[in-house]
Amino acid sequence: LGTWRSSGVCSATDVRFVPNDISPEAMSMLFVNPTTAYRMLEDFETLTEGDVVIQNGSNSGVGQAVIQIAAARNLKTINVMRSRPDLGEITEYLKLLGATEVVTEEFAQSRKLNELVKSMGKPKLALNGVGGKSATALLKQLEYGGTMVTYGGMSRQPVSVGTAMFIFNDVKLRGYWQSKWNDLNMNNSA
């Protein structure tokens, strides 16, 4: 169907009813950000209460949805975001959503992250929406056999993985694209 249309003819099965009390802006993200967050938390690792998830791009729509869903499932989150002038306000907001810890990219790329992970436990799952050095910082924290799922590349930098991460830590790297999931699961009630 595309996006920017003022009118069109289509089958009733190609559209969904939208209640009047939901803004068009909120509705436009409903089938992307929360569902992306849910599927990544659900489909790549078996997570149980108390497990740790680490993510970058934490203040994005997907990142915020990850925080809320993880909190509802009693998962701990380490949330990485870029430094910015309103860092304190955004950190407070993410904590209100349920974030366990919120740190900057600089923190995540330092030894300080190692200490934080020691106190919380190694993450089973890393969610990467940024790429580059940010993705590498997440990957280095994964528990043995953990998974990093890449769903975005905001930095436009490649995900680089040293051979040792595969050999000695048996990490798994996966990609996720909500549109492809929708296509593959069109007739599935999951």
N, C-alpha and C. Protein backbone atom coordinates (compact mmCIF):
# COMPACT_ATOMS: atom_id res chain seq x y z
N LEU A 1 0.81 -1.21 0.00
CA LEU A 1 0.00 0.00 0.00
C LEU A 1 0.84 1.26 0.00
N GLY A 2 2.06 1.22 0.54
CA GLY A 2 2.86 2.43 0.63
C GLY A 2 2.45 3.25 1.83
N THR A 3 2.89 4.48 1.89
CA THR A 3 2.60 5.30 3.06
C THR A 3 1.88 6.60 2.71
N TRP A 4 2.48 7.49 1.99
CA TRP A 4 1.93 8.84 1.80
C TRP A 4 0.81 8.85 0.78
N ARG A 5 -0.41 8.53 1.23
CA ARG A 5 -1.59 8.53 0.39
C ARG A 5 -2.70 9.30 1.06
N SER A 6 -3.49 9.95 0.24
CA SER A 6 -4.70 10.57 0.78
C SER A 6 -5.92 9.73 0.46
N SER A 7 -5.82 8.84 -0.54
CA SER A 7 -6.92 7.92 -0.83
C SER A 7 -6.38 6.72 -1.61
N GLY A 8 -7.16 5.66 -1.63
CA GLY A 8 -6.77 4.46 -2.34
C GLY A 8 -7.86 3.41 -2.24
N VAL A 9 -7.82 2.43 -3.10
CA VAL A 9 -8.77 1.33 -3.08
C VAL A 9 -7.99 0.07 -2.75
N CYS A 10 -8.47 -0.67 -1.75
CA CYS A 10 -7.78 -1.89 -1.35
C CYS A 10 -8.77 -2.85 -0.71
N SER A 11 -8.31 -4.05 -0.49
CA SER A 11 -9.12 -5.09 0.14
C SER A 11 -9.22 -4.80 1.65
N ALA A 12 -10.33 -5.18 2.24
CA ALA A 12 -10.52 -4.99 3.69
C ALA A 12 -9.47 -5.73 4.50
N THR A 13 -8.90 -6.80 3.96
CA THR A 13 -7.87 -7.55 4.69
C THR A 13 -6.52 -6.82 4.71
N ASP A 14 -6.38 -5.77 3.89
CA ASP A 14 -5.13 -5.02 3.84
C ASP A 14 -5.10 -3.81 4.77
N VAL A 15 -6.17 -3.57 5.47
CA VAL A 15 -6.25 -2.39 6.34
C VAL A 15 -6.72 -2.82 7.73
N ARG A 16 -6.52 -1.93 8.68
CA ARG A 16 -6.95 -2.19 10.05
C ARG A 16 -7.74 -1.00 10.58
N PHE A 17 -8.70 -1.29 11.42
CA PHE A 17 -9.48 -0.26 12.07
C PHE A 17 -8.60 0.45 13.09
N VAL A 18 -8.67 1.76 13.13
CA VAL A 18 -7.91 2.56 14.09
C VAL A 18 -8.90 3.37 14.91
N PRO A 19 -8.93 3.16 16.22
CA PRO A 19 -9.84 3.95 17.06
C PRO A 19 -9.49 5.44 16.98
N ASN A 20 -10.48 6.30 17.17
CA ASN A 20 -10.27 7.75 17.09
C ASN A 20 -9.41 8.30 18.22
N ASP A 21 -9.29 7.57 19.34
CA ASP A 21 -8.52 8.10 20.46
C ASP A 21 -7.02 7.82 20.38
N ILE A 22 -6.54 7.27 19.26
CA ILE A 22 -5.11 7.04 19.05
C ILE A 22 -4.65 7.99 17.95
N SER A 23 -3.61 8.78 18.25
CA SER A 23 -3.13 9.74 17.26
C SER A 23 -2.53 9.03 16.05
N PRO A 24 -2.59 9.65 14.90
CA PRO A 24 -1.96 9.05 13.70
C PRO A 24 -0.46 8.79 13.91
N GLU A 25 0.22 9.68 14.64
CA GLU A 25 1.65 9.50 14.90
C GLU A 25 1.91 8.23 15.71
N ALA A 26 1.12 8.04 16.78
CA ALA A 26 1.28 6.84 17.62
C ALA A 26 0.92 5.59 16.83
N MET A 27 -0.14 5.67 16.06
CA MET A 27 -0.58 4.51 15.29
C MET A 27 0.45 4.11 14.24
N SER A 28 1.12 5.12 13.66
CA SER A 28 2.09 4.82 12.60
C SER A 28 3.26 3.99 13.12
N MET A 29 3.53 4.08 14.41
CA MET A 29 4.65 3.33 14.99
C MET A 29 4.22 2.02 15.66
N LEU A 30 2.93 1.85 15.88
CA LEU A 30 2.44 0.72 16.65
C LEU A 30 2.84 -0.62 16.07
N PHE A 31 2.87 -0.75 14.77
CA PHE A 31 3.16 -2.04 14.16
C PHE A 31 4.65 -2.20 13.82
N VAL A 32 5.48 -1.26 14.25
CA VAL A 32 6.91 -1.37 13.99
C VAL A 32 7.70 -1.43 15.30
N ASN A 33 7.73 -0.35 16.06
CA ASN A 33 8.60 -0.29 17.24
C ASN A 33 8.26 -1.31 18.33
N PRO A 34 7.04 -1.32 18.86
CA PRO A 34 6.74 -2.30 19.91
C PRO A 34 6.83 -3.74 19.42
N THR A 35 6.39 -3.99 18.20
CA THR A 35 6.45 -5.37 17.71
C THR A 35 7.88 -5.80 17.45
N THR A 36 8.73 -4.89 16.97
CA THR A 36 10.15 -5.20 16.81
C THR A 36 10.76 -5.55 18.17
N ALA A 37 10.49 -4.73 19.17
CA ALA A 37 11.01 -4.98 20.52
C ALA A 37 10.53 -6.33 21.04
N TYR A 38 9.23 -6.58 20.92
CA TYR A 38 8.66 -7.83 21.42
C TYR A 38 9.29 -9.04 20.74
N ARG A 39 9.34 -9.03 19.41
CA ARG A 39 9.87 -10.18 18.67
C ARG A 39 11.33 -10.43 19.02
N MET A 40 12.13 -9.37 19.17
CA MET A 40 13.55 -9.58 19.50
C MET A 40 13.70 -10.17 20.90
N LEU A 41 12.89 -9.74 21.83
CA LEU A 41 12.96 -10.29 23.19
C LEU A 41 12.40 -11.72 23.25
N GLU A 42 11.54 -12.04 22.34
CA GLU A 42 10.85 -13.34 22.36
C GLU A 42 11.54 -14.42 21.52
N ASP A 43 12.13 -14.04 20.39
CA ASP A 43 12.49 -15.03 19.38
C ASP A 43 13.95 -15.50 19.35
N PHE A 44 14.86 -14.83 20.01
CA PHE A 44 16.27 -15.14 19.79
C PHE A 44 16.97 -15.83 20.96
N GLU A 45 16.53 -15.62 22.16
CA GLU A 45 17.05 -16.28 23.36
C GLU A 45 15.88 -16.61 24.27
N THR A 46 16.00 -17.66 25.05
CA THR A 46 15.00 -17.98 26.06
C THR A 46 15.36 -17.17 27.30
N LEU A 47 14.60 -16.13 27.55
CA LEU A 47 14.87 -15.22 28.66
C LEU A 47 13.93 -15.52 29.82
N THR A 48 14.47 -15.55 31.01
CA THR A 48 13.66 -15.77 32.20
C THR A 48 13.90 -14.63 33.18
N GLU A 49 13.01 -14.51 34.13
CA GLU A 49 13.07 -13.45 35.13
C GLU A 49 14.50 -13.31 35.68
N GLY A 50 14.98 -12.06 35.70
CA GLY A 50 16.30 -11.78 36.23
C GLY A 50 17.41 -11.77 35.18
N ASP A 51 17.14 -12.30 33.98
CA ASP A 51 18.15 -12.26 32.92
C ASP A 51 18.43 -10.82 32.52
N VAL A 52 19.60 -10.61 31.92
CA VAL A 52 20.04 -9.27 31.52
C VAL A 52 20.03 -9.15 30.01
N VAL A 53 19.51 -8.02 29.54
CA VAL A 53 19.52 -7.64 28.13
C VAL A 53 20.28 -6.31 28.05
N ILE A 54 21.17 -6.20 27.07
CA ILE A 54 21.88 -4.94 26.84
C ILE A 54 21.49 -4.42 25.46
N GLN A 55 21.29 -3.10 25.35
CA GLN A 55 20.91 -2.53 24.06
C GLN A 55 21.53 -1.16 23.88
N ASN A 56 21.75 -0.79 22.61
CA ASN A 56 22.12 0.58 22.30
C ASN A 56 20.92 1.26 21.64
N GLY A 57 21.03 2.55 21.39
CA GLY A 57 19.88 3.27 20.83
C GLY A 57 18.70 3.24 21.77
N SER A 58 18.96 3.26 23.05
CA SER A 58 17.93 2.98 24.06
C SER A 58 16.83 4.01 24.15
N ASN A 59 17.08 5.23 23.68
CA ASN A 59 16.04 6.24 23.75
C ASN A 59 15.21 6.30 22.46
N SER A 60 15.47 5.39 21.52
CA SER A 60 14.66 5.30 20.30
C SER A 60 13.30 4.67 20.63
N GLY A 61 12.41 4.68 19.66
CA GLY A 61 11.10 4.04 19.85
C GLY A 61 11.23 2.58 20.18
N VAL A 62 12.09 1.86 19.46
CA VAL A 62 12.31 0.43 19.75
C VAL A 62 12.94 0.28 21.13
N GLY A 63 13.94 1.09 21.42
CA GLY A 63 14.63 1.00 22.72
C GLY A 63 13.68 1.20 23.89
N GLN A 64 12.80 2.18 23.78
CA GLN A 64 11.84 2.43 24.85
C GLN A 64 10.87 1.27 25.00
N ALA A 65 10.45 0.70 23.89
CA ALA A 65 9.56 -0.46 23.95
C ALA A 65 10.27 -1.66 24.57
N VAL A 66 11.55 -1.86 24.24
CA VAL A 66 12.34 -2.94 24.86
C VAL A 66 12.35 -2.76 26.37
N ILE A 67 12.61 -1.55 26.82
CA ILE A 67 12.67 -1.27 28.26
C ILE A 67 11.35 -1.64 28.93
N GLN A 68 10.24 -1.22 28.35
CA GLN A 68 8.94 -1.48 28.97
C GLN A 68 8.57 -2.96 28.98
N ILE A 69 8.80 -3.63 27.87
CA ILE A 69 8.48 -5.06 27.79
C ILE A 69 9.39 -5.85 28.72
N ALA A 70 10.67 -5.52 28.73
CA ALA A 70 11.61 -6.21 29.62
C ALA A 70 11.23 -6.01 31.08
N ALA A 71 10.87 -4.80 31.45
CA ALA A 71 10.47 -4.53 32.84
C ALA A 71 9.24 -5.35 33.21
N ALA A 72 8.28 -5.44 32.30
CA ALA A 72 7.07 -6.23 32.56
C ALA A 72 7.40 -7.71 32.74
N ARG A 73 8.48 -8.16 32.13
CA ARG A 73 8.91 -9.57 32.23
C ARG A 73 9.96 -9.76 33.33
N ASN A 74 10.22 -8.73 34.11
CA ASN A 74 11.23 -8.78 35.18
C ASN A 74 12.62 -9.13 34.66
N LEU A 75 12.95 -8.58 33.49
CA LEU A 75 14.30 -8.70 32.94
C LEU A 75 15.05 -7.43 33.31
N LYS A 76 16.35 -7.55 33.53
CA LYS A 76 17.19 -6.39 33.80
C LYS A 76 17.73 -5.86 32.47
N THR A 77 17.83 -4.54 32.35
CA THR A 77 18.34 -3.95 31.12
C THR A 77 19.49 -3.00 31.39
N ILE A 78 20.48 -3.07 30.49
CA ILE A 78 21.55 -2.08 30.43
C ILE A 78 21.30 -1.33 29.13
N ASN A 79 21.08 -0.04 29.25
CA ASN A 79 20.62 0.77 28.13
C ASN A 79 21.66 1.83 27.78
N VAL A 80 22.18 1.73 26.58
CA VAL A 80 23.25 2.62 26.12
C VAL A 80 22.66 3.67 25.20
N MET A 81 23.06 4.93 25.40
CA MET A 81 22.64 6.01 24.51
C MET A 81 23.74 7.04 24.36
N ARG A 82 23.65 7.83 23.31
CA ARG A 82 24.65 8.87 23.07
C ARG A 82 24.57 9.95 24.14
N SER A 83 25.71 10.57 24.45
CA SER A 83 25.72 11.74 25.33
C SER A 83 25.01 12.88 24.62
N ARG A 84 24.31 13.68 25.40
CA ARG A 84 23.56 14.80 24.83
C ARG A 84 23.25 15.78 25.95
N PRO A 85 22.91 17.01 25.62
CA PRO A 85 22.66 18.01 26.67
C PRO A 85 21.55 17.62 27.64
N ASP A 86 20.52 16.93 27.18
CA ASP A 86 19.39 16.56 28.05
C ASP A 86 19.52 15.12 28.58
N LEU A 87 20.74 14.65 28.72
CA LEU A 87 21.00 13.27 29.16
C LEU A 87 20.31 12.94 30.48
N GLY A 88 20.39 13.85 31.44
CA GLY A 88 19.77 13.61 32.75
C GLY A 88 18.27 13.41 32.65
N GLU A 89 17.61 14.24 31.87
CA GLU A 89 16.16 14.13 31.70
C GLU A 89 15.78 12.82 31.01
N ILE A 90 16.52 12.47 29.96
CA ILE A 90 16.21 11.24 29.23
C ILE A 90 16.50 10.02 30.09
N THR A 91 17.59 10.06 30.84
CA THR A 91 17.91 8.95 31.75
C THR A 91 16.77 8.75 32.75
N GLU A 92 16.30 9.85 33.33
CA GLU A 92 15.20 9.77 34.30
C GLU A 92 13.95 9.20 33.63
N TYR A 93 13.66 9.64 32.42
CA TYR A 93 12.49 9.15 31.69
C TYR A 93 12.61 7.65 31.43
N LEU A 94 13.78 7.20 30.95
CA LEU A 94 13.96 5.77 30.67
C LEU A 94 13.84 4.94 31.94
N LYS A 95 14.33 5.47 33.07
CA LYS A 95 14.19 4.75 34.34
C LYS A 95 12.72 4.66 34.75
N LEU A 96 11.96 5.71 34.47
CA LEU A 96 10.52 5.67 34.76
C LEU A 96 9.83 4.60 33.92
N LEU A 97 10.33 4.37 32.71
CA LEU A 97 9.78 3.33 31.85
C LEU A 97 10.14 1.93 32.35
N GLY A 98 11.19 1.84 33.20
CA GLY A 98 11.59 0.54 33.73
C GLY A 98 13.04 0.16 33.48
N ALA A 99 13.84 1.07 32.91
CA ALA A 99 15.25 0.77 32.67
C ALA A 99 15.97 0.47 33.98
N THR A 100 16.78 -0.57 33.99
CA THR A 100 17.57 -0.89 35.17
C THR A 100 18.76 0.05 35.27
N GLU A 101 19.52 0.14 34.18
CA GLU A 101 20.68 1.04 34.11
C GLU A 101 20.68 1.77 32.78
N VAL A 102 21.07 3.02 32.79
CA VAL A 102 21.22 3.82 31.58
C VAL A 102 22.63 4.39 31.59
N VAL A 103 23.37 4.14 30.51
CA VAL A 103 24.76 4.61 30.42
C VAL A 103 25.00 5.25 29.05
N THR A 104 26.08 6.01 28.96
CA THR A 104 26.43 6.65 27.69
C THR A 104 27.30 5.72 26.85
N GLU A 105 27.44 6.06 25.58
CA GLU A 105 28.33 5.32 24.68
C GLU A 105 29.76 5.34 25.22
N GLU A 106 30.19 6.47 25.75
CA GLU A 106 31.55 6.58 26.29
C GLU A 106 31.74 5.61 27.45
N PHE A 107 30.76 5.52 28.32
CA PHE A 107 30.79 4.58 29.44
C PHE A 107 30.85 3.14 28.90
N ALA A 108 30.02 2.87 27.90
CA ALA A 108 29.93 1.51 27.36
C ALA A 108 31.21 1.07 26.68
N GLN A 109 31.99 2.00 26.20
CA GLN A 109 33.22 1.67 25.51
C GLN A 109 34.43 1.78 26.44
N SER A 110 34.16 1.84 27.76
CA SER A 110 35.24 1.89 28.75
C SER A 110 35.17 0.65 29.64
N ARG A 111 36.11 0.55 30.52
CA ARG A 111 36.13 -0.59 31.46
C ARG A 111 35.03 -0.50 32.51
N LYS A 112 34.43 0.66 32.63
CA LYS A 112 33.34 0.84 33.60
C LYS A 112 32.18 -0.11 33.30
N LEU A 113 31.95 -0.36 32.01
CA LEU A 113 30.86 -1.28 31.65
C LEU A 113 31.14 -2.69 32.17
N ASN A 114 32.39 -3.11 32.13
CA ASN A 114 32.75 -4.43 32.66
C ASN A 114 32.33 -4.56 34.13
N GLU A 115 32.58 -3.51 34.91
CA GLU A 115 32.22 -3.54 36.33
C GLU A 115 30.71 -3.58 36.52
N LEU A 116 30.00 -2.82 35.71
CA LEU A 116 28.53 -2.84 35.80
C LEU A 116 28.00 -4.23 35.47
N VAL A 117 28.53 -4.83 34.43
CA VAL A 117 28.08 -6.16 34.03
C VAL A 117 28.42 -7.19 35.11
N LYS A 118 29.57 -7.06 35.74
CA LYS A 118 29.92 -7.98 36.84
C LYS A 118 28.87 -7.90 37.94
N SER A 119 28.37 -6.70 38.22
CA SER A 119 27.40 -6.55 39.31
C SER A 119 26.00 -7.02 38.92
N MET A 120 25.68 -7.01 37.64
CA MET A 120 24.32 -7.37 37.20
C MET A 120 24.23 -8.77 36.63
N GLY A 121 25.32 -9.27 36.09
CA GLY A 121 25.32 -10.54 35.37
C GLY A 121 25.50 -10.29 33.89
N LYS A 122 26.08 -11.26 33.21
CA LYS A 122 26.33 -11.13 31.77
C LYS A 122 25.01 -11.18 31.00
N PRO A 123 24.85 -10.32 30.01
CA PRO A 123 23.64 -10.37 29.19
C PRO A 123 23.59 -11.62 28.32
N LYS A 124 22.39 -12.18 28.19
CA LYS A 124 22.15 -13.28 27.25
C LYS A 124 21.89 -12.73 25.86
N LEU A 125 21.37 -11.50 25.81
CA LEU A 125 20.90 -10.92 24.56
C LEU A 125 21.37 -9.48 24.46
N ALA A 126 21.89 -9.13 23.28
CA ALA A 126 22.25 -7.74 22.97
C ALA A 126 21.42 -7.31 21.77
N LEU A 127 20.87 -6.11 21.83
CA LEU A 127 20.05 -5.58 20.74
C LEU A 127 20.76 -4.36 20.16
N ASN A 128 21.13 -4.45 18.90
CA ASN A 128 21.96 -3.45 18.25
C ASN A 128 21.19 -2.71 17.17
N GLY A 129 20.96 -1.43 17.41
CA GLY A 129 20.34 -0.59 16.40
C GLY A 129 21.28 0.48 15.88
N VAL A 130 22.55 0.40 16.28
CA VAL A 130 23.51 1.45 15.97
C VAL A 130 24.63 0.98 15.06
N GLY A 131 25.26 -0.15 15.37
CA GLY A 131 26.40 -0.65 14.60
C GLY A 131 27.72 -0.07 15.10
N GLY A 132 28.78 -0.31 14.34
CA GLY A 132 30.10 0.23 14.65
C GLY A 132 30.62 -0.15 16.02
N LYS A 133 31.35 0.79 16.63
CA LYS A 133 31.97 0.56 17.95
C LYS A 133 30.93 0.29 19.03
N SER A 134 29.76 0.88 18.86
CA SER A 134 28.69 0.65 19.83
C SER A 134 28.28 -0.82 19.86
N ALA A 135 28.15 -1.42 18.69
CA ALA A 135 27.80 -2.84 18.60
C ALA A 135 28.90 -3.71 19.20
N THR A 136 30.15 -3.35 18.93
CA THR A 136 31.28 -4.11 19.49
C THR A 136 31.26 -4.08 21.01
N ALA A 137 30.95 -2.91 21.58
CA ALA A 137 30.89 -2.80 23.04
C ALA A 137 29.83 -3.73 23.63
N LEU A 138 28.68 -3.84 22.97
CA LEU A 138 27.62 -4.75 23.44
C LEU A 138 28.08 -6.19 23.33
N LEU A 139 28.64 -6.52 22.19
CA LEU A 139 29.06 -7.89 21.89
C LEU A 139 30.06 -8.41 22.91
N LYS A 140 30.97 -7.56 23.33
CA LYS A 140 32.01 -7.96 24.29
C LYS A 140 31.43 -8.34 25.65
N GLN A 141 30.22 -7.92 25.94
CA GLN A 141 29.63 -8.18 27.25
C GLN A 141 28.77 -9.44 27.29
N LEU A 142 28.46 -10.01 26.15
CA LEU A 142 27.56 -11.17 26.12
C LEU A 142 28.11 -12.37 26.88
N GLU A 143 27.21 -13.12 27.52
CA GLU A 143 27.61 -14.36 28.15
C GLU A 143 28.01 -15.37 27.07
N TYR A 144 28.67 -16.42 27.47
CA TYR A 144 29.07 -17.47 26.54
C TYR A 144 27.83 -17.98 25.81
N GLY A 145 27.89 -18.00 24.48
CA GLY A 145 26.77 -18.48 23.68
C GLY A 145 25.65 -17.49 23.48
N GLY A 146 25.84 -16.26 23.96
CA GLY A 146 24.80 -15.23 23.83
C GLY A 146 24.59 -14.79 22.40
N THR A 147 23.53 -14.02 22.20
CA THR A 147 23.12 -13.58 20.86
C THR A 147 23.07 -12.07 20.78
N MET A 148 23.61 -11.53 19.69
CA MET A 148 23.39 -10.11 19.38
C MET A 148 22.51 -10.05 18.13
N VAL A 149 21.41 -9.31 18.26
CA VAL A 149 20.48 -9.11 17.15
C VAL A 149 20.65 -7.68 16.64
N THR A 150 20.93 -7.55 15.36
CA THR A 150 21.05 -6.23 14.74
C THR A 150 19.79 -5.93 13.96
N TYR A 151 19.16 -4.79 14.29
CA TYR A 151 17.92 -4.40 13.63
C TYR A 151 18.03 -3.01 13.00
N GLY A 152 19.16 -2.36 13.17
CA GLY A 152 19.36 -1.03 12.60
C GLY A 152 20.83 -0.72 12.51
N GLY A 153 21.15 0.39 11.85
CA GLY A 153 22.55 0.79 11.67
C GLY A 153 22.68 2.30 11.67
N MET A 154 22.23 2.94 12.74
CA MET A 154 22.22 4.40 12.79
C MET A 154 23.59 5.03 12.57
N SER A 155 24.66 4.36 12.97
CA SER A 155 26.00 4.94 12.80
C SER A 155 26.51 4.80 11.37
N ARG A 156 25.85 3.95 10.60
CA ARG A 156 26.28 3.63 9.23
C ARG A 156 27.68 3.01 9.21
N GLN A 157 28.06 2.42 10.33
CA GLN A 157 29.34 1.72 10.44
C GLN A 157 29.07 0.22 10.52
N PRO A 158 29.95 -0.60 9.97
CA PRO A 158 29.72 -2.05 9.99
C PRO A 158 29.86 -2.64 11.39
N VAL A 159 29.24 -3.77 11.57
CA VAL A 159 29.43 -4.55 12.79
C VAL A 159 30.68 -5.39 12.56
N SER A 160 31.70 -5.16 13.37
CA SER A 160 32.96 -5.90 13.24
C SER A 160 33.12 -6.84 14.42
N VAL A 161 33.44 -8.08 14.11
CA VAL A 161 33.56 -9.09 15.16
C VAL A 161 34.89 -9.81 15.00
N GLY A 162 35.69 -9.81 16.06
CA GLY A 162 36.94 -10.55 16.04
C GLY A 162 36.69 -12.05 16.08
N THR A 163 37.55 -12.78 15.47
CA THR A 163 37.42 -14.24 15.41
C THR A 163 37.33 -14.85 16.81
N ALA A 164 38.05 -14.29 17.76
CA ALA A 164 38.05 -14.82 19.13
C ALA A 164 36.65 -14.83 19.74
N MET A 165 35.81 -13.85 19.38
CA MET A 165 34.44 -13.83 19.92
C MET A 165 33.67 -15.07 19.51
N PHE A 166 33.91 -15.55 18.30
CA PHE A 166 33.23 -16.77 17.85
C PHE A 166 33.85 -18.01 18.49
N ILE A 167 35.16 -18.08 18.50
CA ILE A 167 35.85 -19.28 18.98
C ILE A 167 35.71 -19.43 20.49
N PHE A 168 36.03 -18.37 21.23
CA PHE A 168 36.10 -18.50 22.69
C PHE A 168 34.82 -18.11 23.42
N ASN A 169 33.92 -17.42 22.75
CA ASN A 169 32.68 -17.02 23.42
C ASN A 169 31.43 -17.55 22.70
N ASP A 170 31.63 -18.20 21.56
CA ASP A 170 30.54 -18.85 20.83
C ASP A 170 29.32 -17.94 20.65
N VAL A 171 29.57 -16.66 20.33
CA VAL A 171 28.46 -15.73 20.15
C VAL A 171 27.69 -16.05 18.87
N LYS A 172 26.44 -15.63 18.86
CA LYS A 172 25.59 -15.77 17.69
C LYS A 172 25.20 -14.36 17.23
N LEU A 173 25.33 -14.11 15.94
CA LEU A 173 24.92 -12.82 15.39
C LEU A 173 23.73 -13.05 14.48
N ARG A 174 22.69 -12.27 14.69
CA ARG A 174 21.45 -12.42 13.91
C ARG A 174 21.00 -11.05 13.44
N GLY A 175 20.21 -11.05 12.40
CA GLY A 175 19.60 -9.82 11.92
C GLY A 175 18.10 -9.91 12.10
N TYR A 176 17.44 -8.76 12.19
CA TYR A 176 15.99 -8.74 12.33
C TYR A 176 15.41 -7.56 11.56
N TRP A 177 14.37 -7.85 10.80
CA TRP A 177 13.64 -6.84 10.03
C TRP A 177 12.17 -7.15 10.18
N GLN A 178 11.44 -6.23 10.83
CA GLN A 178 10.03 -6.47 11.15
C GLN A 178 9.19 -6.73 9.89
N SER A 179 9.45 -6.01 8.82
CA SER A 179 8.67 -6.21 7.59
C SER A 179 8.82 -7.63 7.06
N LYS A 180 10.03 -8.17 7.11
CA LYS A 180 10.26 -9.54 6.65
C LYS A 180 9.55 -10.53 7.58
N TRP A 181 9.62 -10.28 8.90
CA TRP A 181 8.91 -11.15 9.84
C TRP A 181 7.41 -11.14 9.52
N ASN A 182 6.86 -9.95 9.25
CA ASN A 182 5.43 -9.86 8.92
C ASN A 182 5.12 -10.69 7.67
N ASP A 183 5.96 -10.56 6.64
CA ASP A 183 5.73 -11.32 5.41
C ASP A 183 5.77 -12.83 5.66
N LEU A 184 6.74 -13.27 6.45
CA LEU A 184 6.91 -14.72 6.70
C LEU A 184 5.84 -15.27 7.64
N ASN A 185 5.21 -14.41 8.42
CA ASN A 185 4.25 -14.87 9.42
C ASN A 185 2.85 -14.32 9.20
N MET A 186 2.55 -13.94 7.98
CA MET A 186 1.27 -13.32 7.67
C MET A 186 0.08 -14.15 8.14
N ASN A 187 0.18 -15.47 8.02
CA ASN A 187 -0.93 -16.34 8.40
C ASN A 187 -0.71 -17.06 9.72
N ASN A 188 0.22 -16.56 10.52
CA ASN A 188 0.57 -17.17 11.80
C ASN A 188 0.01 -16.28 12.90
N SER A 189 -0.60 -16.83 13.92
CA SER A 189 -1.17 -16.03 15.00
C SER A 189 -0.15 -15.60 16.03
N ALA A 190 1.15 -15.97 15.87
CA ALA A 190 2.19 -15.56 16.82
C ALA A 190 2.32 -14.07 16.79
